[in-house]
Amino acid sequence: MVLFNRFFSPDIDIEEMKVIAGPIYSNPDEINLSLRWIAMLSERIYCDLAASSGIHDGKGLVKVLLAEQKQPKLLRVYIKGPGEIGVMLKFLENYLQRHDFSSVSEIIGR
């Protein structure tokens, strides 16, 4: 179940005087609402939960895994390209090593 999917946010082009699409991408600050609800709902709802915003780097990836998200949605990959997966995975690997975890499954829901 995806939590907090982004709604269409209109903007106004003041030169053309018409309604246009506002920002379509999330920013890293938007992760907090998703973290809260994923952590609160993970023991009450028996399905995988996913945040739809705020996962822009390795730090955000670790945060959602700790909150018990099993299928992170990586916006940064969409924006920067598939090379970002390696960057995020390297961060995750370093994090696991620094904290003496042997696998990702050990941090999910901690």
PDB file of N, CA and C in Angstrom:
ATOM      1  N   MET A   1       0.855  -1.155   0.000  1.00  0.00           N
ATOM      2  CA  MET A   1       0.000   0.000   0.000  1.00  0.00           C
ATOM      3  C   MET A   1       0.915   1.235   0.000  1.00  0.00           C
ATOM      4  N   VAL A   2       0.664   2.126  -0.914  1.00  0.00           N
ATOM      5  CA  VAL A   2       1.452   3.357  -1.007  1.00  0.00           C
ATOM      6  C   VAL A   2       0.787   4.443  -0.180  1.00  0.00           C
ATOM      7  N   LEU A   3       1.570   5.039   0.718  1.00  0.00           N
ATOM      8  CA  LEU A   3       1.048   6.112   1.564  1.00  0.00           C
ATOM      9  C   LEU A   3       1.480   7.469   1.036  1.00  0.00           C
ATOM     10  N   PHE A   4       0.584   8.401   1.061  1.00  0.00           N
ATOM     11  CA  PHE A   4       0.860   9.794   0.758  1.00  0.00           C
ATOM     12  C   PHE A   4       1.329  10.025  -0.676  1.00  0.00           C
ATOM     13  N   ASN A   5       0.594   9.461  -1.598  1.00  0.00           N
ATOM     14  CA  ASN A   5       0.864   9.758  -2.995  1.00  0.00           C
ATOM     15  C   ASN A   5       0.608  11.248  -3.219  1.00  0.00           C
ATOM     16  N   ARG A   6       1.347  11.837  -4.100  1.00  0.00           N
ATOM     17  CA  ARG A   6       1.242  13.283  -4.311  1.00  0.00           C
ATOM     18  C   ARG A   6      -0.003  13.624  -5.137  1.00  0.00           C
ATOM     19  N   PHE A   7      -0.708  14.634  -4.681  1.00  0.00           N
ATOM     20  CA  PHE A   7      -1.863  15.129  -5.417  1.00  0.00           C
ATOM     21  C   PHE A   7      -1.397  16.156  -6.449  1.00  0.00           C
ATOM     22  N   PHE A   8      -2.195  16.353  -7.467  1.00  0.00           N
ATOM     23  CA  PHE A   8      -1.904  17.394  -8.449  1.00  0.00           C
ATOM     24  C   PHE A   8      -1.936  18.738  -7.737  1.00  0.00           C
ATOM     25  N   SER A   9      -0.883  19.507  -7.925  1.00  0.00           N
ATOM     26  CA  SER A   9      -0.794  20.837  -7.315  1.00  0.00           C
ATOM     27  C   SER A   9      -0.715  21.881  -8.414  1.00  0.00           C
ATOM     28  N   PRO A  10      -1.802  22.577  -8.657  1.00  0.00           N
ATOM     29  CA  PRO A  10      -1.769  23.573  -9.722  1.00  0.00           C
ATOM     30  C   PRO A  10      -0.948  24.802  -9.347  1.00  0.00           C
ATOM     31  N   ASP A  11      -0.483  25.471 -10.349  1.00  0.00           N
ATOM     32  CA  ASP A  11       0.227  26.742 -10.204  1.00  0.00           C
ATOM     33  C   ASP A  11      -0.354  27.664 -11.265  1.00  0.00           C
ATOM     34  N   ILE A  12       0.078  28.902 -11.275  1.00  0.00           N
ATOM     35  CA  ILE A  12      -0.395  29.852 -12.284  1.00  0.00           C
ATOM     36  C   ILE A  12       0.801  30.475 -12.977  1.00  0.00           C
ATOM     37  N   ASP A  13       0.812  30.390 -14.280  1.00  0.00           N
ATOM     38  CA  ASP A  13       1.819  31.085 -15.091  1.00  0.00           C
ATOM     39  C   ASP A  13       1.324  32.518 -15.230  1.00  0.00           C
ATOM     40  N   ILE A  14       2.001  33.460 -14.555  1.00  0.00           N
ATOM     41  CA  ILE A  14       1.505  34.831 -14.529  1.00  0.00           C
ATOM     42  C   ILE A  14       1.711  35.569 -15.852  1.00  0.00           C
ATOM     43  N   GLU A  15       2.621  35.101 -16.687  1.00  0.00           N
ATOM     44  CA  GLU A  15       2.820  35.744 -17.986  1.00  0.00           C
ATOM     45  C   GLU A  15       1.776  35.278 -18.994  1.00  0.00           C
ATOM     46  N   GLU A  16       1.504  33.975 -18.984  1.00  0.00           N
ATOM     47  CA  GLU A  16       0.502  33.419 -19.904  1.00  0.00           C
ATOM     48  C   GLU A  16      -0.903  33.470 -19.309  1.00  0.00           C
ATOM     49  N   MET A  17      -0.983  33.758 -18.021  1.00  0.00           N
ATOM     50  CA  MET A  17      -2.253  33.821 -17.293  1.00  0.00           C
ATOM     51  C   MET A  17      -3.078  32.551 -17.474  1.00  0.00           C
ATOM     52  N   LYS A  18      -2.411  31.426 -17.185  1.00  0.00           N
ATOM     53  CA  LYS A  18      -3.116  30.155 -17.281  1.00  0.00           C
ATOM     54  C   LYS A  18      -2.638  29.217 -16.170  1.00  0.00           C
ATOM     55  N   VAL A  19      -3.469  28.244 -15.885  1.00  0.00           N
ATOM     56  CA  VAL A  19      -3.154  27.246 -14.867  1.00  0.00           C
ATOM     57  C   VAL A  19      -2.172  26.244 -15.465  1.00  0.00           C
ATOM     58  N   ILE A  20      -1.126  25.952 -14.712  1.00  0.00           N
ATOM     59  CA  ILE A  20      -0.119  24.972 -15.124  1.00  0.00           C
ATOM     60  C   ILE A  20       0.113  24.006 -13.967  1.00  0.00           C
ATOM     61  N   ALA A  21       0.827  22.942 -14.229  1.00  0.00           N
ATOM     62  CA  ALA A  21       1.179  21.986 -13.168  1.00  0.00           C
ATOM     63  C   ALA A  21       2.233  22.612 -12.260  1.00  0.00           C
ATOM     64  N   GLY A  22       2.058  22.450 -10.955  1.00  0.00           N
ATOM     65  CA  GLY A  22       3.050  22.902  -9.991  1.00  0.00           C
ATOM     66  C   GLY A  22       4.154  21.863  -9.879  1.00  0.00           C
ATOM     67  N   PRO A  23       4.954  21.947  -8.833  1.00  0.00           N
ATOM     68  CA  PRO A  23       6.045  20.990  -8.653  1.00  0.00           C
ATOM     69  C   PRO A  23       5.521  19.556  -8.619  1.00  0.00           C
ATOM     70  N   ILE A  24       6.169  18.679  -9.376  1.00  0.00           N
ATOM     71  CA  ILE A  24       5.699  17.294  -9.413  1.00  0.00           C
ATOM     72  C   ILE A  24       6.573  16.351  -8.600  1.00  0.00           C
ATOM     73  N   TYR A  25       7.762  16.784  -8.206  1.00  0.00           N
ATOM     74  CA  TYR A  25       8.662  15.924  -7.456  1.00  0.00           C
ATOM     75  C   TYR A  25       8.663  16.308  -5.980  1.00  0.00           C
ATOM     76  N   SER A  26       8.858  15.323  -5.153  1.00  0.00           N
ATOM     77  CA  SER A  26       8.961  15.579  -3.722  1.00  0.00           C
ATOM     78  C   SER A  26      10.344  16.134  -3.401  1.00  0.00           C
ATOM     79  N   ASN A  27      10.524  16.525  -2.153  1.00  0.00           N
ATOM     80  CA  ASN A  27      11.843  16.926  -1.684  1.00  0.00           C
ATOM     81  C   ASN A  27      12.155  16.109  -0.433  1.00  0.00           C
ATOM     82  N   PRO A  28      13.413  16.053  -0.029  1.00  0.00           N
ATOM     83  CA  PRO A  28      13.791  15.206   1.102  1.00  0.00           C
ATOM     84  C   PRO A  28      13.048  15.511   2.406  1.00  0.00           C
ATOM     85  N   ASP A  29      12.590  16.723   2.586  1.00  0.00           N
ATOM     86  CA  ASP A  29      11.879  17.083   3.815  1.00  0.00           C
ATOM     87  C   ASP A  29      10.509  16.419   3.942  1.00  0.00           C
ATOM     88  N   GLU A  30       9.981  15.896   2.870  1.00  0.00           N
ATOM     89  CA  GLU A  30       8.644  15.305   2.893  1.00  0.00           C
ATOM     90  C   GLU A  30       8.618  13.888   3.446  1.00  0.00           C
ATOM     91  N   ILE A  31       9.757  13.346   3.820  1.00  0.00           N
ATOM     92  CA  ILE A  31       9.819  11.965   4.289  1.00  0.00           C
ATOM     93  C   ILE A  31       9.207  11.780   5.679  1.00  0.00           C
ATOM     94  N   ASN A  32       9.197  12.814   6.503  1.00  0.00           N
ATOM     95  CA  ASN A  32       8.787  12.661   7.897  1.00  0.00           C
ATOM     96  C   ASN A  32       7.358  12.172   8.075  1.00  0.00           C
ATOM     97  N   LEU A  33       6.431  12.679   7.317  1.00  0.00           N
ATOM     98  CA  LEU A  33       5.041  12.236   7.431  1.00  0.00           C
ATOM     99  C   LEU A  33       4.929  10.751   7.084  1.00  0.00           C
ATOM    100  N   SER A  34       5.588  10.332   6.029  1.00  0.00           N
ATOM    101  CA  SER A  34       5.562   8.921   5.641  1.00  0.00           C
ATOM    102  C   SER A  34       6.197   8.039   6.706  1.00  0.00           C
ATOM    103  N   LEU A  35       7.335   8.469   7.262  1.00  0.00           N
ATOM    104  CA  LEU A  35       8.001   7.683   8.304  1.00  0.00           C
ATOM    105  C   LEU A  35       7.081   7.457   9.492  1.00  0.00           C
ATOM    106  N   ARG A  36       6.409   8.503   9.901  1.00  0.00           N
ATOM    107  CA  ARG A  36       5.516   8.406  11.058  1.00  0.00           C
ATOM    108  C   ARG A  36       4.430   7.366  10.834  1.00  0.00           C
ATOM    109  N   TRP A  37       3.747   7.464   9.700  1.00  0.00           N
ATOM    110  CA  TRP A  37       2.617   6.583   9.462  1.00  0.00           C
ATOM    111  C   TRP A  37       3.030   5.164   9.114  1.00  0.00           C
ATOM    112  N   ILE A  38       4.139   4.994   8.436  1.00  0.00           N
ATOM    113  CA  ILE A  38       4.613   3.631   8.165  1.00  0.00           C
ATOM    114  C   ILE A  38       4.955   2.941   9.477  1.00  0.00           C
ATOM    115  N   ALA A  39       5.654   3.641  10.357  1.00  0.00           N
ATOM    116  CA  ALA A  39       6.011   3.057  11.650  1.00  0.00           C
ATOM    117  C   ALA A  39       4.765   2.741  12.480  1.00  0.00           C
ATOM    118  N   MET A  40       3.774   3.617  12.476  1.00  0.00           N
ATOM    119  CA  MET A  40       2.565   3.403  13.271  1.00  0.00           C
ATOM    120  C   MET A  40       1.681   2.296  12.706  1.00  0.00           C
ATOM    121  N   LEU A  41       1.602   2.200  11.390  1.00  0.00           N
ATOM    122  CA  LEU A  41       0.696   1.238  10.773  1.00  0.00           C
ATOM    123  C   LEU A  41       1.304  -0.142  10.547  1.00  0.00           C
ATOM    124  N   SER A  42       2.624  -0.242  10.569  1.00  0.00           N
ATOM    125  CA  SER A  42       3.279  -1.496  10.184  1.00  0.00           C
ATOM    126  C   SER A  42       2.855  -2.688  11.041  1.00  0.00           C
ATOM    127  N   GLU A  43       2.527  -2.478  12.291  1.00  0.00           N
ATOM    128  CA  GLU A  43       2.100  -3.585  13.140  1.00  0.00           C
ATOM    129  C   GLU A  43       0.578  -3.745  13.181  1.00  0.00           C
ATOM    130  N   ARG A  44      -0.139  -2.857  12.505  1.00  0.00           N
ATOM    131  CA  ARG A  44      -1.603  -2.909  12.536  1.00  0.00           C
ATOM    132  C   ARG A  44      -2.218  -3.346  11.207  1.00  0.00           C
ATOM    133  N   ILE A  45      -1.479  -3.180  10.129  1.00  0.00           N
ATOM    134  CA  ILE A  45      -1.982  -3.525   8.803  1.00  0.00           C
ATOM    135  C   ILE A  45      -1.091  -4.629   8.242  1.00  0.00           C
ATOM    136  N   TYR A  46      -1.678  -5.683   7.773  1.00  0.00           N
ATOM    137  CA  TYR A  46      -0.904  -6.836   7.329  1.00  0.00           C
ATOM    138  C   TYR A  46      -0.673  -6.810   5.817  1.00  0.00           C
ATOM    139  N   CYS A  47       0.062  -5.783   5.389  1.00  0.00           N
ATOM    140  CA  CYS A  47       0.499  -5.681   4.002  1.00  0.00           C
ATOM    141  C   CYS A  47       1.751  -4.808   3.988  1.00  0.00           C
ATOM    142  N   ASP A  48       2.489  -4.848   2.901  1.00  0.00           N
ATOM    143  CA  ASP A  48       3.675  -4.006   2.790  1.00  0.00           C
ATOM    144  C   ASP A  48       3.255  -2.557   2.593  1.00  0.00           C
ATOM    145  N   LEU A  49       3.951  -1.652   3.260  1.00  0.00           N
ATOM    146  CA  LEU A  49       3.678  -0.224   3.160  1.00  0.00           C
ATOM    147  C   LEU A  49       4.835   0.456   2.448  1.00  0.00           C
ATOM    148  N   ALA A  50       4.527   1.464   1.656  1.00  0.00           N
ATOM    149  CA  ALA A  50       5.558   2.188   0.914  1.00  0.00           C
ATOM    150  C   ALA A  50       5.282   3.687   0.960  1.00  0.00           C
ATOM    151  N   ALA A  51       6.345   4.450   1.201  1.00  0.00           N
ATOM    152  CA  ALA A  51       6.249   5.911   1.150  1.00  0.00           C
ATOM    153  C   ALA A  51       6.436   6.339  -0.291  1.00  0.00           C
ATOM    154  N   SER A  52       5.657   7.289  -0.721  1.00  0.00           N
ATOM    155  CA  SER A  52       5.784   7.727  -2.118  1.00  0.00           C
ATOM    156  C   SER A  52       6.591   9.011  -2.248  1.00  0.00           C
ATOM    157  N   SER A  53       7.147   9.487  -1.156  1.00  0.00           N
ATOM    158  CA  SER A  53       7.910  10.736  -1.261  1.00  0.00           C
ATOM    159  C   SER A  53       9.059  10.767  -0.266  1.00  0.00           C
ATOM    160  N   GLY A  54      10.048  11.576  -0.589  1.00  0.00           N
ATOM    161  CA  GLY A  54      11.116  11.856   0.347  1.00  0.00           C
ATOM    162  C   GLY A  54      12.341  10.982   0.291  1.00  0.00           C
ATOM    163  N   ILE A  55      12.352   9.905  -0.481  1.00  0.00           N
ATOM    164  CA  ILE A  55      13.518   9.027  -0.529  1.00  0.00           C
ATOM    165  C   ILE A  55      14.422   9.507  -1.656  1.00  0.00           C
ATOM    166  N   HIS A  56      15.334  10.372  -1.309  1.00  0.00           N
ATOM    167  CA  HIS A  56      16.191  11.016  -2.300  1.00  0.00           C
ATOM    168  C   HIS A  56      17.648  10.593  -2.208  1.00  0.00           C
ATOM    169  N   ASP A  57      18.002   9.886  -1.141  1.00  0.00           N
ATOM    170  CA  ASP A  57      19.405   9.522  -0.946  1.00  0.00           C
ATOM    171  C   ASP A  57      19.489   8.297  -0.046  1.00  0.00           C
ATOM    172  N   GLY A  58      20.720   7.868   0.206  1.00  0.00           N
ATOM    173  CA  GLY A  58      20.927   6.698   1.036  1.00  0.00           C
ATOM    174  C   GLY A  58      20.380   6.860   2.441  1.00  0.00           C
ATOM    175  N   LYS A  59      20.485   8.047   2.990  1.00  0.00           N
ATOM    176  CA  LYS A  59      19.978   8.315   4.330  1.00  0.00           C
ATOM    177  C   LYS A  59      18.464   8.113   4.382  1.00  0.00           C
ATOM    178  N   GLY A  60      17.751   8.630   3.392  1.00  0.00           N
ATOM    179  CA  GLY A  60      16.301   8.429   3.325  1.00  0.00           C
ATOM    180  C   GLY A  60      15.950   6.961   3.158  1.00  0.00           C
ATOM    181  N   LEU A  61      16.756   6.238   2.382  1.00  0.00           N
ATOM    182  CA  LEU A  61      16.539   4.802   2.184  1.00  0.00           C
ATOM    183  C   LEU A  61      16.643   4.069   3.521  1.00  0.00           C
ATOM    184  N   VAL A  62      17.678   4.358   4.289  1.00  0.00           N
ATOM    185  CA  VAL A  62      17.849   3.717   5.593  1.00  0.00           C
ATOM    186  C   VAL A  62      16.678   4.070   6.515  1.00  0.00           C
ATOM    187  N   LYS A  63      16.239   5.311   6.488  1.00  0.00           N
ATOM    188  CA  LYS A  63      15.133   5.740   7.345  1.00  0.00           C
ATOM    189  C   LYS A  63      13.867   4.937   7.074  1.00  0.00           C
ATOM    190  N   VAL A  64      13.502   4.772   5.814  1.00  0.00           N
ATOM    191  CA  VAL A  64      12.260   4.047   5.528  1.00  0.00           C
ATOM    192  C   VAL A  64      12.395   2.561   5.835  1.00  0.00           C
ATOM    193  N   LEU A  65      13.590   2.017   5.678  1.00  0.00           N
ATOM    194  CA  LEU A  65      13.792   0.618   6.056  1.00  0.00           C
ATOM    195  C   LEU A  65      13.658   0.454   7.571  1.00  0.00           C
ATOM    196  N   LEU A  66      14.224   1.367   8.338  1.00  0.00           N
ATOM    197  CA  LEU A  66      14.097   1.315   9.791  1.00  0.00           C
ATOM    198  C   LEU A  66      12.644   1.464  10.237  1.00  0.00           C
ATOM    199  N   ALA A  67      11.854   2.210   9.473  1.00  0.00           N
ATOM    200  CA  ALA A  67      10.437   2.404   9.796  1.00  0.00           C
ATOM    201  C   ALA A  67       9.576   1.232   9.341  1.00  0.00           C
ATOM    202  N   GLU A  68      10.170   0.256   8.710  1.00  0.00           N
ATOM    203  CA  GLU A  68       9.541  -0.986   8.261  1.00  0.00           C
ATOM    204  C   GLU A  68       8.962  -0.917   6.847  1.00  0.00           C
ATOM    205  N   GLN A  69       9.547  -0.148   6.012  1.00  0.00           N
ATOM    206  CA  GLN A  69       9.131  -0.168   4.610  1.00  0.00           C
ATOM    207  C   GLN A  69       9.995  -1.187   3.889  1.00  0.00           C
ATOM    208  N   LYS A  70       9.356  -2.128   3.217  1.00  0.00           N
ATOM    209  CA  LYS A  70      10.094  -3.201   2.557  1.00  0.00           C
ATOM    210  C   LYS A  70      10.329  -2.937   1.071  1.00  0.00           C
ATOM    211  N   GLN A  71       9.618  -1.979   0.507  1.00  0.00           N
ATOM    212  CA  GLN A  71       9.738  -1.701  -0.920  1.00  0.00           C
ATOM    213  C   GLN A  71       9.888  -0.194  -1.153  1.00  0.00           C
ATOM    214  N   PRO A  72      11.067   0.362  -0.893  1.00  0.00           N
ATOM    215  CA  PRO A  72      11.247   1.808  -1.041  1.00  0.00           C
ATOM    216  C   PRO A  72      11.034   2.298  -2.473  1.00  0.00           C
ATOM    217  N   LYS A  73      10.432   3.453  -2.598  1.00  0.00           N
ATOM    218  CA  LYS A  73      10.230   4.113  -3.886  1.00  0.00           C
ATOM    219  C   LYS A  73      11.306   5.180  -4.014  1.00  0.00           C
ATOM    220  N   LEU A  74      12.230   4.995  -4.921  1.00  0.00           N
ATOM    221  CA  LEU A  74      13.412   5.845  -4.999  1.00  0.00           C
ATOM    222  C   LEU A  74      13.248   6.944  -6.040  1.00  0.00           C
ATOM    223  N   LEU A  75      12.806   8.104  -5.615  1.00  0.00           N
ATOM    224  CA  LEU A  75      12.587   9.220  -6.526  1.00  0.00           C
ATOM    225  C   LEU A  75      13.879   9.670  -7.189  1.00  0.00           C
ATOM    226  N   ARG A  76      14.959   9.673  -6.456  1.00  0.00           N
ATOM    227  CA  ARG A  76      16.239  10.152  -6.986  1.00  0.00           C
ATOM    228  C   ARG A  76      16.644   9.380  -8.240  1.00  0.00           C
ATOM    229  N   VAL A  77      16.330   8.103  -8.278  1.00  0.00           N
ATOM    230  CA  VAL A  77      16.652   7.287  -9.450  1.00  0.00           C
ATOM    231  C   VAL A  77      15.876   7.792 -10.663  1.00  0.00           C
ATOM    232  N   TYR A  78      14.629   8.157 -10.429  1.00  0.00           N
ATOM    233  CA  TYR A  78      13.796   8.668 -11.511  1.00  0.00           C
ATOM    234  C   TYR A  78      14.363   9.974 -12.066  1.00  0.00           C
ATOM    235  N   ILE A  79      14.872  10.818 -11.182  1.00  0.00           N
ATOM    236  CA  ILE A  79      15.393  12.122 -11.588  1.00  0.00           C
ATOM    237  C   ILE A  79      16.799  12.009 -12.165  1.00  0.00           C
ATOM    238  N   LYS A  80      17.697  11.304 -11.480  1.00  0.00           N
ATOM    239  CA  LYS A  80      19.115  11.270 -11.846  1.00  0.00           C
ATOM    240  C   LYS A  80      19.511  10.101 -12.734  1.00  0.00           C
ATOM    241  N   GLY A  81      18.697   9.067 -12.789  1.00  0.00           N
ATOM    242  CA  GLY A  81      19.027   7.906 -13.599  1.00  0.00           C
ATOM    243  C   GLY A  81      19.431   6.709 -12.761  1.00  0.00           C
ATOM    244  N   PRO A  82      19.534   5.545 -13.397  1.00  0.00           N
ATOM    245  CA  PRO A  82      19.780   4.301 -12.682  1.00  0.00           C
ATOM    246  C   PRO A  82      21.113   4.243 -11.941  1.00  0.00           C
ATOM    247  N   GLY A  83      22.070   5.089 -12.290  1.00  0.00           N
ATOM    248  CA  GLY A  83      23.351   5.117 -11.584  1.00  0.00           C
ATOM    249  C   GLY A  83      23.207   5.453 -10.116  1.00  0.00           C
ATOM    250  N   GLU A  84      22.127   6.134  -9.771  1.00  0.00           N
ATOM    251  CA  GLU A  84      21.887   6.507  -8.374  1.00  0.00           C
ATOM    252  C   GLU A  84      21.605   5.294  -7.496  1.00  0.00           C
ATOM    253  N   ILE A  85      21.145   4.210  -8.090  1.00  0.00           N
ATOM    254  CA  ILE A  85      20.890   2.993  -7.309  1.00  0.00           C
ATOM    255  C   ILE A  85      22.183   2.530  -6.652  1.00  0.00           C
ATOM    256  N   GLY A  86      23.274   2.526  -7.412  1.00  0.00           N
ATOM    257  CA  GLY A  86      24.569   2.126  -6.865  1.00  0.00           C
ATOM    258  C   GLY A  86      25.025   3.027  -5.733  1.00  0.00           C
ATOM    259  N   VAL A  87      24.805   4.330  -5.871  1.00  0.00           N
ATOM    260  CA  VAL A  87      25.187   5.289  -4.826  1.00  0.00           C
ATOM    261  C   VAL A  87      24.404   5.006  -3.548  1.00  0.00           C
ATOM    262  N   MET A  88      23.090   4.787  -3.690  1.00  0.00           N
ATOM    263  CA  MET A  88      22.257   4.525  -2.522  1.00  0.00           C
ATOM    264  C   MET A  88      22.604   3.182  -1.877  1.00  0.00           C
ATOM    265  N   LEU A  89      22.865   2.184  -2.704  1.00  0.00           N
ATOM    266  CA  LEU A  89      23.212   0.877  -2.161  1.00  0.00           C
ATOM    267  C   LEU A  89      24.558   0.906  -1.447  1.00  0.00           C
ATOM    268  N   LYS A  90      25.491   1.691  -1.944  1.00  0.00           N
ATOM    269  CA  LYS A  90      26.788   1.842  -1.278  1.00  0.00           C
ATOM    270  C   LYS A  90      26.599   2.487   0.089  1.00  0.00           C
ATOM    271  N   PHE A  91      25.762   3.514   0.166  1.00  0.00           N
ATOM    272  CA  PHE A  91      25.464   4.144   1.456  1.00  0.00           C
ATOM    273  C   PHE A  91      24.866   3.111   2.405  1.00  0.00           C
ATOM    274  N   LEU A  92      23.893   2.338   1.919  1.00  0.00           N
ATOM    275  CA  LEU A  92      23.236   1.320   2.732  1.00  0.00           C
ATOM    276  C   LEU A  92      24.247   0.273   3.201  1.00  0.00           C
ATOM    277  N   GLU A  93      25.096  -0.166   2.314  1.00  0.00           N
ATOM    278  CA  GLU A  93      26.125  -1.152   2.663  1.00  0.00           C
ATOM    279  C   GLU A  93      27.046  -0.616   3.762  1.00  0.00           C
ATOM    280  N   ASN A  94      27.494   0.616   3.626  1.00  0.00           N
ATOM    281  CA  ASN A  94      28.353   1.234   4.636  1.00  0.00           C
ATOM    282  C   ASN A  94      27.620   1.366   5.977  1.00  0.00           C
ATOM    283  N   TYR A  95      26.352   1.737   5.916  1.00  0.00           N
ATOM    284  CA  TYR A  95      25.550   1.856   7.129  1.00  0.00           C
ATOM    285  C   TYR A  95      25.467   0.506   7.840  1.00  0.00           C
ATOM    286  N   LEU A  96      25.153  -0.541   7.093  1.00  0.00           N
ATOM    287  CA  LEU A  96      25.041  -1.877   7.683  1.00  0.00           C
ATOM    288  C   LEU A  96      26.356  -2.298   8.335  1.00  0.00           C
ATOM    289  N   GLN A  97      27.467  -2.033   7.667  1.00  0.00           N
ATOM    290  CA  GLN A  97      28.776  -2.390   8.214  1.00  0.00           C
ATOM    291  C   GLN A  97      29.088  -1.598   9.485  1.00  0.00           C
ATOM    292  N   ARG A  98      28.813  -0.298   9.467  1.00  0.00           N
ATOM    293  CA  ARG A  98      29.092   0.544  10.639  1.00  0.00           C
ATOM    294  C   ARG A  98      28.316   0.109  11.872  1.00  0.00           C
ATOM    295  N   HIS A  99      27.130  -0.475  11.646  1.00  0.00           N
ATOM    296  CA  HIS A  99      26.267  -0.868  12.761  1.00  0.00           C
ATOM    297  C   HIS A  99      26.227  -2.379  12.976  1.00  0.00           C
ATOM    298  N   ASP A 100      27.167  -3.084  12.340  1.00  0.00           N
ATOM    299  CA  ASP A 100      27.322  -4.541  12.509  1.00  0.00           C
ATOM    300  C   ASP A 100      26.075  -5.347  12.153  1.00  0.00           C
ATOM    301  N   PHE A 101      25.380  -4.963  11.099  1.00  0.00           N
ATOM    302  CA  PHE A 101      24.273  -5.750  10.577  1.00  0.00           C
ATOM    303  C   PHE A 101      24.787  -6.583   9.409  1.00  0.00           C
ATOM    304  N   SER A 102      24.299  -7.805   9.283  1.00  0.00           N
ATOM    305  CA  SER A 102      24.749  -8.654   8.196  1.00  0.00           C
ATOM    306  C   SER A 102      23.809  -8.624   6.989  1.00  0.00           C
ATOM    307  N   SER A 103      22.606  -8.084   7.165  1.00  0.00           N
ATOM    308  CA  SER A 103      21.672  -8.012   6.036  1.00  0.00           C
ATOM    309  C   SER A 103      20.664  -6.883   6.248  1.00  0.00           C
ATOM    310  N   VAL A 104      20.020  -6.497   5.171  1.00  0.00           N
ATOM    311  CA  VAL A 104      18.991  -5.452   5.222  1.00  0.00           C
ATOM    312  C   VAL A 104      17.823  -5.892   6.078  1.00  0.00           C
ATOM    313  N   SER A 105      17.497  -7.162   6.026  1.00  0.00           N
ATOM    314  CA  SER A 105      16.334  -7.648   6.798  1.00  0.00           C
ATOM    315  C   SER A 105      16.490  -7.397   8.300  1.00  0.00           C
ATOM    316  N   GLU A 106      17.715  -7.255   8.772  1.00  0.00           N
ATOM    317  CA  GLU A 106      17.941  -7.002  10.193  1.00  0.00           C
ATOM    318  C   GLU A 106      17.559  -5.571  10.606  1.00  0.00           C
ATOM    319  N   ILE A 107      17.472  -4.645   9.676  1.00  0.00           N
ATOM    320  CA  ILE A 107      17.133  -3.273  10.070  1.00  0.00           C
ATOM    321  C   ILE A 107      15.676  -2.917   9.782  1.00  0.00           C
ATOM    322  N   ILE A 108      14.987  -3.730   9.007  1.00  0.00           N
ATOM    323  CA  ILE A 108      13.594  -3.417   8.669  1.00  0.00           C
ATOM    324  C   ILE A 108      12.744  -3.436   9.930  1.00  0.00           C
ATOM    325  N   GLY A 109      12.145  -2.306  10.225  1.00  0.00           N
ATOM    326  CA  GLY A 109      11.243  -2.193  11.355  1.00  0.00           C
ATOM    327  C   GLY A 109      11.900  -1.965  12.705  1.00  0.00           C
ATOM    328  N   ARG A 110      13.178  -1.711  12.703  1.00  0.00           N
ATOM    329  CA  ARG A 110      13.864  -1.493  13.995  1.00  0.00           C
ATOM    330  C   ARG A 110      13.433  -0.196  14.639  1.00  0.00           C
TER     331      ARG A 110
END
